[in-house]
């Protein structure tokens, strides 16, 4: 089982408002932890890595690089992908993208009668590019590039939608059909 802690809200900065503490995480039930655009306070990664099989950090912040570089207290089970030329959103999309496509094929195989996991809903190949485009626009705003056509309008419109990104509050957001239709906006 894995746990993901993210710098949640697409509007940069919102995820940092909530202070995560190791004692609030169900680490005894987890083997893999993913920290997306978030490394937590001092000592956070070291403490988590001592209690789980693996920790994967996907981040783009200078502070993450400074916090984690040369830190001897961080275990060998920590994988770091820190790229200050991309947003945390696109780093995560690239990292998990191939897994999403592979799992969508598993779902299709299950429908055809194979032994794959029942009820799995993942991103179909036909929607992958649209999701990638969405993430490129999010990155364009997050890094203040504004290089893509209508990027400021897109970012403003996304913010105006006032979407609740917390899965515990708005579980329907990540339902495949709702998410895919949002890409058509």
Protein backbone atom coordinates (compact mmCIF):
# COMPACT_ATOMS: atom_id res chain seq x y z
CA UNK A 1 0.00 0.00 0.00
CA UNK A 2 1.26 3.50 -0.70
CA UNK A 3 0.49 7.00 0.51
CA UNK A 4 0.78 10.19 -1.41
CA UNK A 5 1.27 13.59 0.22
CA UNK A 6 1.05 16.44 -2.21
CA UNK A 7 1.34 20.17 -2.32
CA UNK A 8 -2.34 19.71 -3.05
CA UNK A 9 -4.01 22.73 -4.54
CA UNK A 10 -3.13 23.64 -8.10
CA UNK A 11 -2.86 27.25 -7.01
CA UNK A 12 0.72 27.24 -5.77
CA UNK A 13 1.09 27.70 -2.05
CA UNK A 14 -2.16 26.20 -0.82
CA UNK A 15 -0.60 22.84 0.02
CA UNK A 16 1.94 24.46 2.28
CA UNK A 17 -0.75 25.77 4.62
CA UNK A 18 -1.33 22.38 6.23
CA UNK A 19 1.62 21.21 8.31
CA UNK A 20 2.09 17.46 7.99
CA UNK A 21 3.53 15.53 10.90
CA UNK A 22 4.89 12.00 10.72
CA UNK A 23 2.71 10.89 13.64
CA UNK A 24 -0.43 11.78 11.62
CA UNK A 25 0.41 9.32 8.83
CA UNK A 26 -0.58 5.63 8.92
CA UNK A 27 3.01 4.52 8.25
CA UNK A 28 2.55 1.10 9.82
CA UNK A 29 0.13 0.29 6.97
CA UNK A 30 2.34 1.66 4.19
CA UNK A 31 5.25 0.38 2.19
CA UNK A 32 5.69 3.26 -0.27
CA UNK A 33 5.26 6.98 0.30
CA UNK A 34 5.22 9.60 -2.47
CA UNK A 35 5.85 13.24 -1.63
CA UNK A 36 4.66 15.38 -4.51
CA UNK A 37 5.89 18.97 -4.56
CA UNK A 38 6.37 18.73 -0.80
CA UNK A 39 9.23 17.65 1.47
CA UNK A 40 7.81 18.72 4.81
CA UNK A 41 9.61 20.34 7.72
CA UNK A 42 13.18 19.55 8.74
CA UNK A 43 13.62 15.85 9.52
CA UNK A 44 10.29 14.84 7.94
CA UNK A 45 11.75 12.78 5.06
CA UNK A 46 14.39 11.15 7.28
CA UNK A 47 11.78 10.06 9.80
CA UNK A 48 9.39 8.69 7.17
CA UNK A 49 12.19 6.85 5.33
CA UNK A 50 13.11 5.04 8.55
CA UNK A 51 9.58 3.60 8.81
CA UNK A 52 8.66 2.52 5.24
CA UNK A 53 10.21 0.56 2.37
CA UNK A 54 10.52 3.50 0.01
CA UNK A 55 10.00 7.24 -0.24
CA UNK A 56 9.81 8.94 -3.63
CA UNK A 57 10.11 12.72 -3.78
CA UNK A 58 8.93 14.57 -6.89
CA UNK A 59 9.60 18.28 -6.47
CA UNK A 60 10.80 21.45 -8.18
CA UNK A 61 11.47 23.81 -5.29
CA UNK A 62 14.93 25.17 -4.49
CA UNK A 63 14.19 24.56 -0.81
CA UNK A 64 13.68 20.83 -1.53
CA UNK A 65 17.06 20.66 -3.22
CA UNK A 66 18.72 22.51 -0.34
CA UNK A 67 16.97 20.41 2.31
CA UNK A 68 17.77 17.05 0.73
CA UNK A 69 21.21 17.54 -0.85
CA UNK A 70 23.92 15.90 1.17
CA UNK A 71 21.57 15.05 4.03
CA UNK A 72 23.16 11.94 5.54
CA UNK A 73 20.12 11.22 7.73
CA UNK A 74 18.00 10.39 4.68
CA UNK A 75 17.95 6.66 4.01
CA UNK A 76 19.05 4.80 0.88
CA UNK A 77 15.39 4.02 0.25
CA UNK A 78 14.68 7.62 -0.81
CA UNK A 79 14.39 8.40 -4.52
CA UNK A 80 14.58 12.08 -5.39
CA UNK A 81 13.41 13.64 -8.63
CA UNK A 82 14.04 17.37 -8.23
CA UNK A 83 13.87 19.46 -11.38
CA UNK A 84 13.58 23.22 -11.01
CA UNK A 85 12.82 23.64 -14.72
CA UNK A 86 9.48 21.82 -14.42
CA UNK A 87 6.52 22.08 -12.07
CA UNK A 88 5.75 19.45 -9.49
CA UNK A 89 2.60 18.68 -11.50
CA UNK A 90 4.47 17.77 -14.70
CA UNK A 91 7.19 15.92 -12.80
CA UNK A 92 4.47 13.76 -11.24
CA UNK A 93 2.59 13.40 -14.54
CA UNK A 94 5.75 12.23 -16.32
CA UNK A 95 6.70 9.91 -13.44
CA UNK A 96 3.28 8.26 -13.18
CA UNK A 97 2.17 8.69 -16.81
CA UNK A 98 3.48 5.40 -18.16
CA UNK A 99 2.01 3.59 -15.16
CA UNK A 100 -1.40 5.12 -15.92
CA UNK A 101 -1.25 3.95 -19.51
CA UNK A 102 -0.11 0.48 -18.50
CA UNK A 103 -2.92 0.21 -15.95
CA UNK A 104 -5.51 1.43 -18.46
CA UNK A 105 -4.46 -1.47 -20.67
CA UNK A 106 -4.90 -3.79 -17.68
CA UNK A 107 -8.44 -2.47 -17.25
CA UNK A 108 -9.18 -3.06 -20.93
CA UNK A 109 -7.78 -6.60 -20.67
CA UNK A 110 -9.98 -7.28 -17.66
CA UNK A 111 -13.02 -6.25 -19.66
CA UNK A 112 -11.91 -8.74 -22.30
CA UNK A 113 -11.84 -11.54 -19.72
CA UNK A 114 -8.27 -11.53 -18.41
CA UNK A 115 -7.26 -11.84 -14.75
CA UNK A 116 -6.59 -8.12 -14.22
CA UNK A 117 -7.90 -6.13 -11.27
CA UNK A 118 -11.66 -5.65 -11.37
CA UNK A 119 -13.09 -2.16 -11.37
CA UNK A 120 -9.82 -0.34 -12.01
CA UNK A 121 -10.37 3.06 -13.63
CA UNK A 122 -7.34 4.62 -15.22
CA UNK A 123 -6.57 7.02 -18.00
CA UNK A 124 -7.30 5.67 -21.49
CA UNK A 125 -4.67 6.23 -24.19
CA UNK A 126 -7.05 8.52 -26.08
CA UNK A 127 -7.13 11.02 -23.18
CA UNK A 128 -3.45 10.96 -22.25
CA UNK A 129 -2.42 13.88 -24.50
CA UNK A 130 -5.29 16.04 -23.22
CA UNK A 131 -4.24 15.45 -19.63
CA UNK A 132 -0.64 16.22 -20.59
CA UNK A 133 -1.80 19.52 -22.12
CA UNK A 134 -3.64 20.37 -18.89
CA UNK A 135 -0.48 19.75 -16.89
CA UNK A 136 1.63 21.87 -19.28
CA UNK A 137 -0.75 24.80 -18.70
CA UNK A 138 -0.56 24.29 -14.94
CA UNK A 139 3.23 24.27 -15.20
CA UNK A 140 3.25 27.41 -17.36
CA UNK A 141 1.43 29.28 -14.59
CA UNK A 142 3.27 27.66 -11.66
CA UNK A 143 6.64 28.70 -13.09
CA UNK A 144 5.35 32.13 -14.17
CA UNK A 145 6.34 31.57 -17.79
CA UNK A 146 3.04 32.49 -19.45
CA UNK A 147 4.40 31.16 -22.75
CA UNK A 148 1.45 29.00 -23.87
CA UNK A 149 -1.45 30.56 -25.79
CA UNK A 150 -4.13 31.95 -23.45
CA UNK A 151 -2.21 30.65 -20.45
CA UNK A 152 -3.21 33.51 -18.13
CA UNK A 153 -6.88 33.12 -19.07
CA UNK A 154 -6.71 29.36 -18.52
CA UNK A 155 -5.06 29.79 -15.12
CA UNK A 156 -7.56 32.45 -14.10
CA UNK A 157 -10.48 30.30 -15.24
CA UNK A 158 -9.17 27.28 -13.36
CA UNK A 159 -8.80 29.37 -10.21
CA UNK A 160 -12.29 30.87 -10.67
CA UNK A 161 -13.77 27.36 -10.75
CA UNK A 162 -12.80 27.18 -7.05
CA UNK A 163 -12.28 23.43 -7.25
CA UNK A 164 -11.78 21.57 -3.99
CA UNK A 165 -8.77 19.30 -4.69
CA UNK A 166 -8.92 17.39 -1.41
CA UNK A 167 -10.04 13.85 -2.31
CA UNK A 168 -11.58 13.42 1.14
CA UNK A 169 -13.88 16.39 0.56
CA UNK A 170 -14.50 16.12 -3.19
CA UNK A 171 -14.10 12.46 -4.12
CA UNK A 172 -15.95 12.86 -7.42
CA UNK A 173 -13.21 15.16 -8.79
CA UNK A 174 -10.94 12.24 -9.57
CA UNK A 175 -13.66 10.09 -11.08
CA UNK A 176 -12.41 9.38 -14.58
CA UNK A 177 -15.48 10.66 -16.41
CA UNK A 178 -15.72 13.91 -14.46
CA UNK A 179 -12.01 14.58 -14.86
CA UNK A 180 -11.97 13.77 -18.56
CA UNK A 181 -14.95 16.05 -19.26
CA UNK A 182 -13.20 18.87 -17.41
CA UNK A 183 -10.41 18.63 -19.98
CA UNK A 184 -12.87 19.70 -22.66
CA UNK A 185 -13.41 23.10 -21.00
